Amino acid sequence: MFRLALEKGPAGRYWHAVQDGGIPFREIAEAVGSRLGLPAVSVPADELMLPGYFGFLTAVVTLDLPASSLITRRTLGWAPAQPTLLADLADGHYFPAG
């Protein structure tokens, strides 16, 4: 995708190189929790500001900002070749063997 962006992309554009877009944060947390043997539970946003959670990153974590590679695919003729995020997490190579 990076090579295509340099070769074909108009200058000053932003490109999303994501296989799958709009995965809810909860599904990502559940996938990670599953691999680590930890439950994924909902935490009220005001508690997320406390030490031990996300602190100053709470505003980013609680936003709904789905990414899409549709424009990247159409403009550059790019197609993802790697596994989706959830499939990659399920593969387990990010986590210690257990």
PDB file of N, CA and C in Angstrom:
ATOM      1  N   MET A   1       0.824  -1.177   0.000  1.00  0.00           N
ATOM      2  CA  MET A   1       0.000   0.000   0.000  1.00  0.00           C
ATOM      3  C   MET A   1       0.877   1.252   0.000  1.00  0.00           C
ATOM      4  N   PHE A   2       1.970   1.225   0.752  1.00  0.00           N
ATOM      5  CA  PHE A   2       2.839   2.398   0.803  1.00  0.00           C
ATOM      6  C   PHE A   2       3.474   2.684  -0.560  1.00  0.00           C
ATOM      7  N   ARG A   3       3.906   1.639  -1.243  1.00  0.00           N
ATOM      8  CA  ARG A   3       4.480   1.826  -2.576  1.00  0.00           C
ATOM      9  C   ARG A   3       3.442   2.400  -3.528  1.00  0.00           C
ATOM     10  N   LEU A   4       2.228   1.854  -3.477  1.00  0.00           N
ATOM     11  CA  LEU A   4       1.158   2.359  -4.341  1.00  0.00           C
ATOM     12  C   LEU A   4       0.838   3.813  -4.033  1.00  0.00           C
ATOM     13  N   ALA A   5       0.846   4.164  -2.763  1.00  0.00           N
ATOM     14  CA  ALA A   5       0.565   5.555  -2.382  1.00  0.00           C
ATOM     15  C   ALA A   5       1.615   6.496  -2.969  1.00  0.00           C
ATOM     16  N   LEU A   6       2.871   6.076  -2.956  1.00  0.00           N
ATOM     17  CA  LEU A   6       3.935   6.906  -3.521  1.00  0.00           C
ATOM     18  C   LEU A   6       3.855   6.978  -5.046  1.00  0.00           C
ATOM     19  N   GLU A   7       3.498   5.859  -5.665  1.00  0.00           N
ATOM     20  CA  GLU A   7       3.466   5.808  -7.122  1.00  0.00           C
ATOM     21  C   GLU A   7       2.205   6.425  -7.723  1.00  0.00           C
ATOM     22  N   LYS A   8       1.053   6.185  -7.097  1.00  0.00           N
ATOM     23  CA  LYS A   8      -0.221   6.576  -7.691  1.00  0.00           C
ATOM     24  C   LYS A   8      -0.988   7.650  -6.938  1.00  0.00           C
ATOM     25  N   GLY A   9      -0.667   7.833  -5.670  1.00  0.00           N
ATOM     26  CA  GLY A   9      -1.475   8.703  -4.831  1.00  0.00           C
ATOM     27  C   GLY A   9      -1.194  10.174  -5.017  1.00  0.00           C
ATOM     28  N   PRO A  10      -2.246  10.986  -5.048  1.00  0.00           N
ATOM     29  CA  PRO A  10      -2.055  12.438  -5.089  1.00  0.00           C
ATOM     30  C   PRO A  10      -1.316  12.910  -3.827  1.00  0.00           C
ATOM     31  N   ALA A  11      -0.485  13.894  -3.981  1.00  0.00           N
ATOM     32  CA  ALA A  11       0.273  14.431  -2.843  1.00  0.00           C
ATOM     33  C   ALA A  11      -0.666  15.000  -1.786  1.00  0.00           C
ATOM     34  N   GLY A  12      -0.270  14.825  -0.542  1.00  0.00           N
ATOM     35  CA  GLY A  12      -1.023  15.400   0.571  1.00  0.00           C
ATOM     36  C   GLY A  12      -2.234  14.604   1.020  1.00  0.00           C
ATOM     37  N   ARG A  13      -2.465  13.435   0.458  1.00  0.00           N
ATOM     38  CA  ARG A  13      -3.613  12.613   0.832  1.00  0.00           C
ATOM     39  C   ARG A  13      -3.268  11.704   2.002  1.00  0.00           C
ATOM     40  N   TYR A  14      -4.282  11.280   2.710  1.00  0.00           N
ATOM     41  CA  TYR A  14      -4.148  10.303   3.791  1.00  0.00           C
ATOM     42  C   TYR A  14      -4.739   8.990   3.317  1.00  0.00           C
ATOM     43  N   TRP A  15      -4.090   7.878   3.700  1.00  0.00           N
ATOM     44  CA  TRP A  15      -4.530   6.563   3.250  1.00  0.00           C
ATOM     45  C   TRP A  15      -4.743   5.650   4.458  1.00  0.00           C
ATOM     46  N   HIS A  16      -5.809   4.908   4.432  1.00  0.00           N
ATOM     47  CA  HIS A  16      -6.085   3.918   5.478  1.00  0.00           C
ATOM     48  C   HIS A  16      -5.735   2.546   4.925  1.00  0.00           C
ATOM     49  N   ALA A  17      -4.826   1.877   5.586  1.00  0.00           N
ATOM     50  CA  ALA A  17      -4.426   0.531   5.172  1.00  0.00           C
ATOM     51  C   ALA A  17      -4.983  -0.476   6.168  1.00  0.00           C
ATOM     52  N   VAL A  18      -6.283  -0.551   6.232  1.00  0.00           N
ATOM     53  CA  VAL A  18      -6.927  -1.489   7.153  1.00  0.00           C
ATOM     54  C   VAL A  18      -7.695  -2.530   6.358  1.00  0.00           C
ATOM     55  N   GLN A  19      -7.634  -3.768   6.821  1.00  0.00           N
ATOM     56  CA  GLN A  19      -8.353  -4.864   6.188  1.00  0.00           C
ATOM     57  C   GLN A  19      -9.842  -4.750   6.477  1.00  0.00           C
ATOM     58  N   ASP A  20     -10.136  -4.518   7.733  1.00  0.00           N
ATOM     59  CA  ASP A  20     -11.531  -4.465   8.184  1.00  0.00           C
ATOM     60  C   ASP A  20     -11.727  -3.186   8.979  1.00  0.00           C
ATOM     61  N   GLY A  21     -12.799  -2.500   8.743  1.00  0.00           N
ATOM     62  CA  GLY A  21     -13.033  -1.238   9.432  1.00  0.00           C
ATOM     63  C   GLY A  21     -14.209  -1.328  10.374  1.00  0.00           C
ATOM     64  N   GLY A  22     -14.220  -0.445  11.334  1.00  0.00           N
ATOM     65  CA  GLY A  22     -15.366  -0.330  12.228  1.00  0.00           C
ATOM     66  C   GLY A  22     -15.490  -1.436  13.251  1.00  0.00           C
ATOM     67  N   ILE A  23     -14.380  -2.019  13.691  1.00  0.00           N
ATOM     68  CA  ILE A  23     -14.464  -3.052  14.729  1.00  0.00           C
ATOM     69  C   ILE A  23     -14.684  -2.337  16.060  1.00  0.00           C
ATOM     70  N   PRO A  24     -15.763  -2.668  16.759  1.00  0.00           N
ATOM     71  CA  PRO A  24     -15.985  -2.040  18.066  1.00  0.00           C
ATOM     72  C   PRO A  24     -14.836  -2.343  19.032  1.00  0.00           C
ATOM     73  N   PHE A  25     -14.473  -1.352  19.828  1.00  0.00           N
ATOM     74  CA  PHE A  25     -13.395  -1.496  20.796  1.00  0.00           C
ATOM     75  C   PHE A  25     -13.657  -2.686  21.708  1.00  0.00           C
ATOM     76  N   ARG A  26     -14.924  -2.909  22.056  1.00  0.00           N
ATOM     77  CA  ARG A  26     -15.275  -4.027  22.942  1.00  0.00           C
ATOM     78  C   ARG A  26     -14.869  -5.364  22.316  1.00  0.00           C
ATOM     79  N   GLU A  27     -15.071  -5.528  20.996  1.00  0.00           N
ATOM     80  CA  GLU A  27     -14.689  -6.788  20.356  1.00  0.00           C
ATOM     81  C   GLU A  27     -13.178  -7.001  20.383  1.00  0.00           C
ATOM     82  N   ILE A  28     -12.432  -5.929  20.253  1.00  0.00           N
ATOM     83  CA  ILE A  28     -10.973  -6.032  20.346  1.00  0.00           C
ATOM     84  C   ILE A  28     -10.586  -6.418  21.771  1.00  0.00           C
ATOM     85  N   ALA A  29     -11.204  -5.764  22.750  1.00  0.00           N
ATOM     86  CA  ALA A  29     -10.924  -6.088  24.158  1.00  0.00           C
ATOM     87  C   ALA A  29     -11.303  -7.533  24.475  1.00  0.00           C
ATOM     88  N   GLU A  30     -12.415  -7.994  23.945  1.00  0.00           N
ATOM     89  CA  GLU A  30     -12.840  -9.379  24.179  1.00  0.00           C
ATOM     90  C   GLU A  30     -11.845 -10.368  23.555  1.00  0.00           C
ATOM     91  N   ALA A  31     -11.334 -10.055  22.377  1.00  0.00           N
ATOM     92  CA  ALA A  31     -10.356 -10.936  21.726  1.00  0.00           C
ATOM     93  C   ALA A  31      -9.069 -11.015  22.539  1.00  0.00           C
ATOM     94  N   VAL A  32      -8.594  -9.862  23.009  1.00  0.00           N
ATOM     95  CA  VAL A  32      -7.379  -9.837  23.828  1.00  0.00           C
ATOM     96  C   VAL A  32      -7.633 -10.541  25.156  1.00  0.00           C
ATOM     97  N   GLY A  33      -8.762 -10.220  25.791  1.00  0.00           N
ATOM     98  CA  GLY A  33      -9.103 -10.855  27.069  1.00  0.00           C
ATOM     99  C   GLY A  33      -9.209 -12.357  26.954  1.00  0.00           C
ATOM    100  N   SER A  34      -9.780 -12.827  25.870  1.00  0.00           N
ATOM    101  CA  SER A  34      -9.926 -14.263  25.651  1.00  0.00           C
ATOM    102  C   SER A  34      -8.565 -14.953  25.597  1.00  0.00           C
ATOM    103  N   ARG A  35      -7.619 -14.346  24.891  1.00  0.00           N
ATOM    104  CA  ARG A  35      -6.273 -14.935  24.781  1.00  0.00           C
ATOM    105  C   ARG A  35      -5.523 -14.899  26.101  1.00  0.00           C
ATOM    106  N   LEU A  36      -5.837 -13.912  26.951  1.00  0.00           N
ATOM    107  CA  LEU A  36      -5.146 -13.781  28.235  1.00  0.00           C
ATOM    108  C   LEU A  36      -5.915 -14.418  29.387  1.00  0.00           C
ATOM    109  N   GLY A  37      -7.096 -14.965  29.088  1.00  0.00           N
ATOM    110  CA  GLY A  37      -7.918 -15.576  30.141  1.00  0.00           C
ATOM    111  C   GLY A  37      -8.517 -14.547  31.081  1.00  0.00           C
ATOM    112  N   LEU A  38      -8.807 -13.359  30.561  1.00  0.00           N
ATOM    113  CA  LEU A  38      -9.377 -12.275  31.367  1.00  0.00           C
ATOM    114  C   LEU A  38     -10.736 -11.884  30.812  1.00  0.00           C
ATOM    115  N   PRO A  39     -11.673 -11.522  31.684  1.00  0.00           N
ATOM    116  CA  PRO A  39     -12.978 -11.086  31.178  1.00  0.00           C
ATOM    117  C   PRO A  39     -12.901  -9.670  30.618  1.00  0.00           C
ATOM    118  N   ALA A  40     -13.719  -9.394  29.620  1.00  0.00           N
ATOM    119  CA  ALA A  40     -13.865  -8.030  29.104  1.00  0.00           C
ATOM    120  C   ALA A  40     -15.149  -7.489  29.695  1.00  0.00           C
ATOM    121  N   VAL A  41     -15.040  -6.442  30.483  1.00  0.00           N
ATOM    122  CA  VAL A  41     -16.209  -5.876  31.145  1.00  0.00           C
ATOM    123  C   VAL A  41     -16.344  -4.406  30.788  1.00  0.00           C
ATOM    124  N   SER A  42     -17.559  -3.907  30.793  1.00  0.00           N
ATOM    125  CA  SER A  42     -17.800  -2.494  30.541  1.00  0.00           C
ATOM    126  C   SER A  42     -17.416  -1.680  31.768  1.00  0.00           C
ATOM    127  N   VAL A  43     -16.778  -0.554  31.507  1.00  0.00           N
ATOM    128  CA  VAL A  43     -16.372   0.354  32.576  1.00  0.00           C
ATOM    129  C   VAL A  43     -16.930   1.725  32.231  1.00  0.00           C
ATOM    130  N   PRO A  44     -17.646   2.370  33.165  1.00  0.00           N
ATOM    131  CA  PRO A  44     -18.178   3.714  32.885  1.00  0.00           C
ATOM    132  C   PRO A  44     -17.058   4.686  32.501  1.00  0.00           C
ATOM    133  N   ALA A  45     -17.354   5.578  31.565  1.00  0.00           N
ATOM    134  CA  ALA A  45     -16.345   6.503  31.042  1.00  0.00           C
ATOM    135  C   ALA A  45     -15.671   7.318  32.137  1.00  0.00           C
ATOM    136  N   ASP A  46     -16.409   7.738  33.170  1.00  0.00           N
ATOM    137  CA  ASP A  46     -15.778   8.539  34.221  1.00  0.00           C
ATOM    138  C   ASP A  46     -14.763   7.716  35.015  1.00  0.00           C
ATOM    139  N   GLU A  47     -14.934   6.422  35.114  1.00  0.00           N
ATOM    140  CA  GLU A  47     -13.964   5.567  35.802  1.00  0.00           C
ATOM    141  C   GLU A  47     -12.719   5.328  34.958  1.00  0.00           C
ATOM    142  N   LEU A  48     -12.878   5.415  33.641  1.00  0.00           N
ATOM    143  CA  LEU A  48     -11.733   5.190  32.768  1.00  0.00           C
ATOM    144  C   LEU A  48     -10.642   6.231  32.963  1.00  0.00           C
ATOM    145  N   MET A  49     -11.006   7.403  33.516  1.00  0.00           N
ATOM    146  CA  MET A  49     -10.036   8.468  33.763  1.00  0.00           C
ATOM    147  C   MET A  49      -9.124   8.151  34.946  1.00  0.00           C
ATOM    148  N   LEU A  50      -9.511   7.193  35.772  1.00  0.00           N
ATOM    149  CA  LEU A  50      -8.745   6.853  36.968  1.00  0.00           C
ATOM    150  C   LEU A  50      -7.447   6.126  36.600  1.00  0.00           C
ATOM    151  N   PRO A  51      -6.430   6.244  37.475  1.00  0.00           N
ATOM    152  CA  PRO A  51      -5.195   5.487  37.218  1.00  0.00           C
ATOM    153  C   PRO A  51      -5.511   3.999  37.099  1.00  0.00           C
ATOM    154  N   GLY A  52      -4.814   3.334  36.212  1.00  0.00           N
ATOM    155  CA  GLY A  52      -5.035   1.910  36.014  1.00  0.00           C
ATOM    156  C   GLY A  52      -5.903   1.615  34.808  1.00  0.00           C
ATOM    157  N   TYR A  53      -6.562   2.642  34.273  1.00  0.00           N
ATOM    158  CA  TYR A  53      -7.340   2.455  33.050  1.00  0.00           C
ATOM    159  C   TYR A  53      -6.639   3.229  31.941  1.00  0.00           C
ATOM    160  N   PHE A  54      -7.340   4.102  31.263  1.00  0.00           N
ATOM    161  CA  PHE A  54      -6.761   4.788  30.109  1.00  0.00           C
ATOM    162  C   PHE A  54      -6.299   6.214  30.386  1.00  0.00           C
ATOM    163  N   GLY A  55      -6.657   6.774  31.546  1.00  0.00           N
ATOM    164  CA  GLY A  55      -6.199   8.116  31.879  1.00  0.00           C
ATOM    165  C   GLY A  55      -6.497   9.130  30.798  1.00  0.00           C
ATOM    166  N   PHE A  56      -5.482   9.876  30.354  1.00  0.00           N
ATOM    167  CA  PHE A  56      -5.679  10.943  29.367  1.00  0.00           C
ATOM    168  C   PHE A  56      -6.102  10.405  27.993  1.00  0.00           C
ATOM    169  N   LEU A  57      -5.963   9.112  27.758  1.00  0.00           N
ATOM    170  CA  LEU A  57      -6.375   8.524  26.478  1.00  0.00           C
ATOM    171  C   LEU A  57      -7.858   8.153  26.451  1.00  0.00           C
ATOM    172  N   THR A  58      -8.560   8.368  27.557  1.00  0.00           N
ATOM    173  CA  THR A  58      -9.977   8.017  27.633  1.00  0.00           C
ATOM    174  C   THR A  58     -10.785   8.653  26.516  1.00  0.00           C
ATOM    175  N   ALA A  59     -10.517   9.925  26.214  1.00  0.00           N
ATOM    176  CA  ALA A  59     -11.282  10.619  25.180  1.00  0.00           C
ATOM    177  C   ALA A  59     -11.149   9.913  23.833  1.00  0.00           C
ATOM    178  N   VAL A  60      -9.980   9.387  23.537  1.00  0.00           N
ATOM    179  CA  VAL A  60      -9.759   8.688  22.271  1.00  0.00           C
ATOM    180  C   VAL A  60     -10.434   7.311  22.293  1.00  0.00           C
ATOM    181  N   VAL A  61     -10.287   6.599  23.394  1.00  0.00           N
ATOM    182  CA  VAL A  61     -10.824   5.241  23.513  1.00  0.00           C
ATOM    183  C   VAL A  61     -12.344   5.229  23.454  1.00  0.00           C
ATOM    184  N   THR A  62     -12.985   6.267  23.950  1.00  0.00           N
ATOM    185  CA  THR A  62     -14.449   6.284  24.001  1.00  0.00           C
ATOM    186  C   THR A  62     -15.105   6.890  22.766  1.00  0.00           C
ATOM    187  N   LEU A  63     -14.313   7.368  21.818  1.00  0.00           N
ATOM    188  CA  LEU A  63     -14.869   7.911  20.582  1.00  0.00           C
ATOM    189  C   LEU A  63     -15.251   6.790  19.611  1.00  0.00           C
ATOM    190  N   ASP A  64     -16.182   7.062  18.756  1.00  0.00           N
ATOM    191  CA  ASP A  64     -16.572   6.130  17.713  1.00  0.00           C
ATOM    192  C   ASP A  64     -15.971   6.641  16.408  1.00  0.00           C
ATOM    193  N   LEU A  65     -14.793   6.126  16.056  1.00  0.00           N
ATOM    194  CA  LEU A  65     -14.069   6.605  14.880  1.00  0.00           C
ATOM    195  C   LEU A  65     -13.695   5.431  13.972  1.00  0.00           C
ATOM    196  N   PRO A  66     -14.664   4.839  13.294  1.00  0.00           N
ATOM    197  CA  PRO A  66     -14.321   3.704  12.439  1.00  0.00           C
ATOM    198  C   PRO A  66     -13.464   4.141  11.245  1.00  0.00           C
ATOM    199  N   ALA A  67     -12.500   3.313  10.914  1.00  0.00           N
ATOM    200  CA  ALA A  67     -11.645   3.575   9.754  1.00  0.00           C
ATOM    201  C   ALA A  67     -12.119   2.707   8.598  1.00  0.00           C
ATOM    202  N   SER A  68     -11.913   3.199   7.398  1.00  0.00           N
ATOM    203  CA  SER A  68     -12.275   2.450   6.203  1.00  0.00           C
ATOM    204  C   SER A  68     -11.173   2.613   5.167  1.00  0.00           C
ATOM    205  N   SER A  69     -10.909   1.547   4.441  1.00  0.00           N
ATOM    206  CA  SER A  69      -9.907   1.613   3.381  1.00  0.00           C
ATOM    207  C   SER A  69     -10.553   1.692   1.999  1.00  0.00           C
ATOM    208  N   LEU A  70     -11.829   1.989   1.941  1.00  0.00           N
ATOM    209  CA  LEU A  70     -12.535   2.022   0.660  1.00  0.00           C
ATOM    210  C   LEU A  70     -11.891   2.992  -0.333  1.00  0.00           C
ATOM    211  N   ILE A  71     -11.575   4.206   0.115  1.00  0.00           N
ATOM    212  CA  ILE A  71     -10.950   5.190  -0.779  1.00  0.00           C
ATOM    213  C   ILE A  71      -9.551   4.716  -1.189  1.00  0.00           C
ATOM    214  N   THR A  72      -8.809   4.148  -0.254  1.00  0.00           N
ATOM    215  CA  THR A  72      -7.479   3.624  -0.566  1.00  0.00           C
ATOM    216  C   THR A  72      -7.586   2.534  -1.623  1.00  0.00           C
ATOM    217  N   ARG A  73      -8.525   1.630  -1.440  1.00  0.00           N
ATOM    218  CA  ARG A  73      -8.694   0.521  -2.383  1.00  0.00           C
ATOM    219  C   ARG A  73      -9.066   1.033  -3.781  1.00  0.00           C
ATOM    220  N   ARG A  74     -10.030   1.939  -3.823  1.00  0.00           N
ATOM    221  CA  ARG A  74     -10.502   2.449  -5.121  1.00  0.00           C
ATOM    222  C   ARG A  74      -9.452   3.307  -5.828  1.00  0.00           C
ATOM    223  N   THR A  75      -8.824   4.198  -5.092  1.00  0.00           N
ATOM    224  CA  THR A  75      -7.893   5.137  -5.700  1.00  0.00           C
ATOM    225  C   THR A  75      -6.579   4.472  -6.102  1.00  0.00           C
ATOM    226  N   LEU A  76      -6.058   3.621  -5.232  1.00  0.00           N
ATOM    227  CA  LEU A  76      -4.744   3.028  -5.480  1.00  0.00           C
ATOM    228  C   LEU A  76      -4.808   1.632  -6.081  1.00  0.00           C
ATOM    229  N   GLY A  77      -6.000   1.040  -6.107  1.00  0.00           N
ATOM    230  CA  GLY A  77      -6.108  -0.337  -6.574  1.00  0.00           C
ATOM    231  C   GLY A  77      -5.497  -1.322  -5.605  1.00  0.00           C
ATOM    232  N   TRP A  78      -5.506  -0.981  -4.330  1.00  0.00           N
ATOM    233  CA  TRP A  78      -4.899  -1.799  -3.279  1.00  0.00           C
ATOM    234  C   TRP A  78      -5.907  -2.791  -2.723  1.00  0.00           C
ATOM    235  N   ALA A  79      -5.448  -3.950  -2.369  1.00  0.00           N
ATOM    236  CA  ALA A  79      -6.272  -4.947  -1.695  1.00  0.00           C
ATOM    237  C   ALA A  79      -5.455  -5.551  -0.558  1.00  0.00           C
ATOM    238  N   PRO A  80      -6.009  -5.581   0.649  1.00  0.00           N
ATOM    239  CA  PRO A  80      -5.266  -6.144   1.781  1.00  0.00           C
ATOM    240  C   PRO A  80      -4.989  -7.632   1.571  1.00  0.00           C
ATOM    241  N   ALA A  81      -3.823  -8.059   2.015  1.00  0.00           N
ATOM    242  CA  ALA A  81      -3.440  -9.460   1.861  1.00  0.00           C
ATOM    243  C   ALA A  81      -3.237 -10.150   3.207  1.00  0.00           C
ATOM    244  N   GLN A  82      -3.256  -9.390   4.263  1.00  0.00           N
ATOM    245  CA  GLN A  82      -3.007  -9.951   5.589  1.00  0.00           C
ATOM    246  C   GLN A  82      -4.328 -10.286   6.282  1.00  0.00           C
ATOM    247  N   PRO A  83      -4.270 -11.037   7.386  1.00  0.00           N
ATOM    248  CA  PRO A  83      -5.504 -11.380   8.099  1.00  0.00           C
ATOM    249  C   PRO A  83      -6.171 -10.144   8.709  1.00  0.00           C
ATOM    250  N   THR A  84      -7.449 -10.274   8.995  1.00  0.00           N
ATOM    251  CA  THR A  84      -8.155  -9.196   9.687  1.00  0.00           C
ATOM    252  C   THR A  84      -7.585  -9.047  11.097  1.00  0.00           C
ATOM    253  N   LEU A  85      -7.880  -7.948  11.748  1.00  0.00           N
ATOM    254  CA  LEU A  85      -7.365  -7.709  13.098  1.00  0.00           C
ATOM    255  C   LEU A  85      -7.796  -8.814  14.053  1.00  0.00           C
ATOM    256  N   LEU A  86      -9.081  -9.157  14.052  1.00  0.00           N
ATOM    257  CA  LEU A  86      -9.559 -10.170  14.992  1.00  0.00           C
ATOM    258  C   LEU A  86      -8.969 -11.541  14.679  1.00  0.00           C
ATOM    259  N   ALA A  87      -8.801 -11.878  13.415  1.00  0.00           N
ATOM    260  CA  ALA A  87      -8.164 -13.147  13.056  1.00  0.00           C
ATOM    261  C   ALA A  87      -6.697 -13.150  13.485  1.00  0.00           C
ATOM    262  N   ASP A  88      -6.030 -12.018  13.333  1.00  0.00           N
ATOM    263  CA  ASP A  88      -4.632 -11.896  13.734  1.00  0.00           C
ATOM    264  C   ASP A  88      -4.487 -12.063  15.242  1.00  0.00           C
ATOM    265  N   LEU A  89      -5.395 -11.457  15.999  1.00  0.00           N
ATOM    266  CA  LEU A  89      -5.363 -11.615  17.454  1.00  0.00           C
ATOM    267  C   LEU A  89      -5.669 -13.051  17.857  1.00  0.00           C
ATOM    268  N   ALA A  90      -6.593 -13.690  17.155  1.00  0.00           N
ATOM    269  CA  ALA A  90      -6.961 -15.077  17.467  1.00  0.00           C
ATOM    270  C   ALA A  90      -5.814 -16.036  17.178  1.00  0.00           C
ATOM    271  N   ASP A  91      -4.944 -15.666  16.242  1.00  0.00           N
ATOM    272  CA  ASP A  91      -3.804 -16.508  15.903  1.00  0.00           C
ATOM    273  C   ASP A  91      -2.892 -16.711  17.103  1.00  0.00           C
ATOM    274  N   GLY A  92      -2.820 -15.722  17.988  1.00  0.00           N
ATOM    275  CA  GLY A  92      -2.134 -15.885  19.251  1.00  0.00           C
ATOM    276  C   GLY A  92      -0.666 -15.541  19.302  1.00  0.00           C
ATOM    277  N   HIS A  93      -0.037 -15.171  18.207  1.00  0.00           N
ATOM    278  CA  HIS A  93       1.404 -14.920  18.269  1.00  0.00           C
ATOM    279  C   HIS A  93       1.792 -13.659  19.026  1.00  0.00           C
ATOM    280  N   TYR A  94       0.807 -12.834  19.403  1.00  0.00           N
ATOM    281  CA  TYR A  94       1.088 -11.644  20.216  1.00  0.00           C
ATOM    282  C   TYR A  94       1.147 -11.978  21.707  1.00  0.00           C
ATOM    283  N   PHE A  95       0.722 -13.168  22.053  1.00  0.00           N
ATOM    284  CA  PHE A  95       0.528 -13.517  23.453  1.00  0.00           C
ATOM    285  C   PHE A  95       1.476 -14.636  23.856  1.00  0.00           C
ATOM    286  N   PRO A  96       1.838 -14.653  25.146  1.00  0.00           N
ATOM    287  CA  PRO A  96       2.727 -15.721  25.615  1.00  0.00           C
ATOM    288  C   PRO A  96       2.035 -17.090  25.494  1.00  0.00           C
ATOM    289  N   ALA A  97       2.841 -18.098  25.208  1.00  0.00           N
ATOM    290  CA  ALA A  97       2.280 -19.452  25.135  1.00  0.00           C
ATOM    291  C   ALA A  97       1.769 -19.843  26.514  1.00  0.00           C
ATOM    292  N   GLY A  98       0.637 -20.435  26.537  1.00  0.00           N
ATOM    293  CA  GLY A  98       0.085 -20.752  27.855  1.00  0.00           C
ATOM    294  C   GLY A  98      -0.711 -21.959  27.786  1.00  0.00           C
TER     295      GLY A  98
END
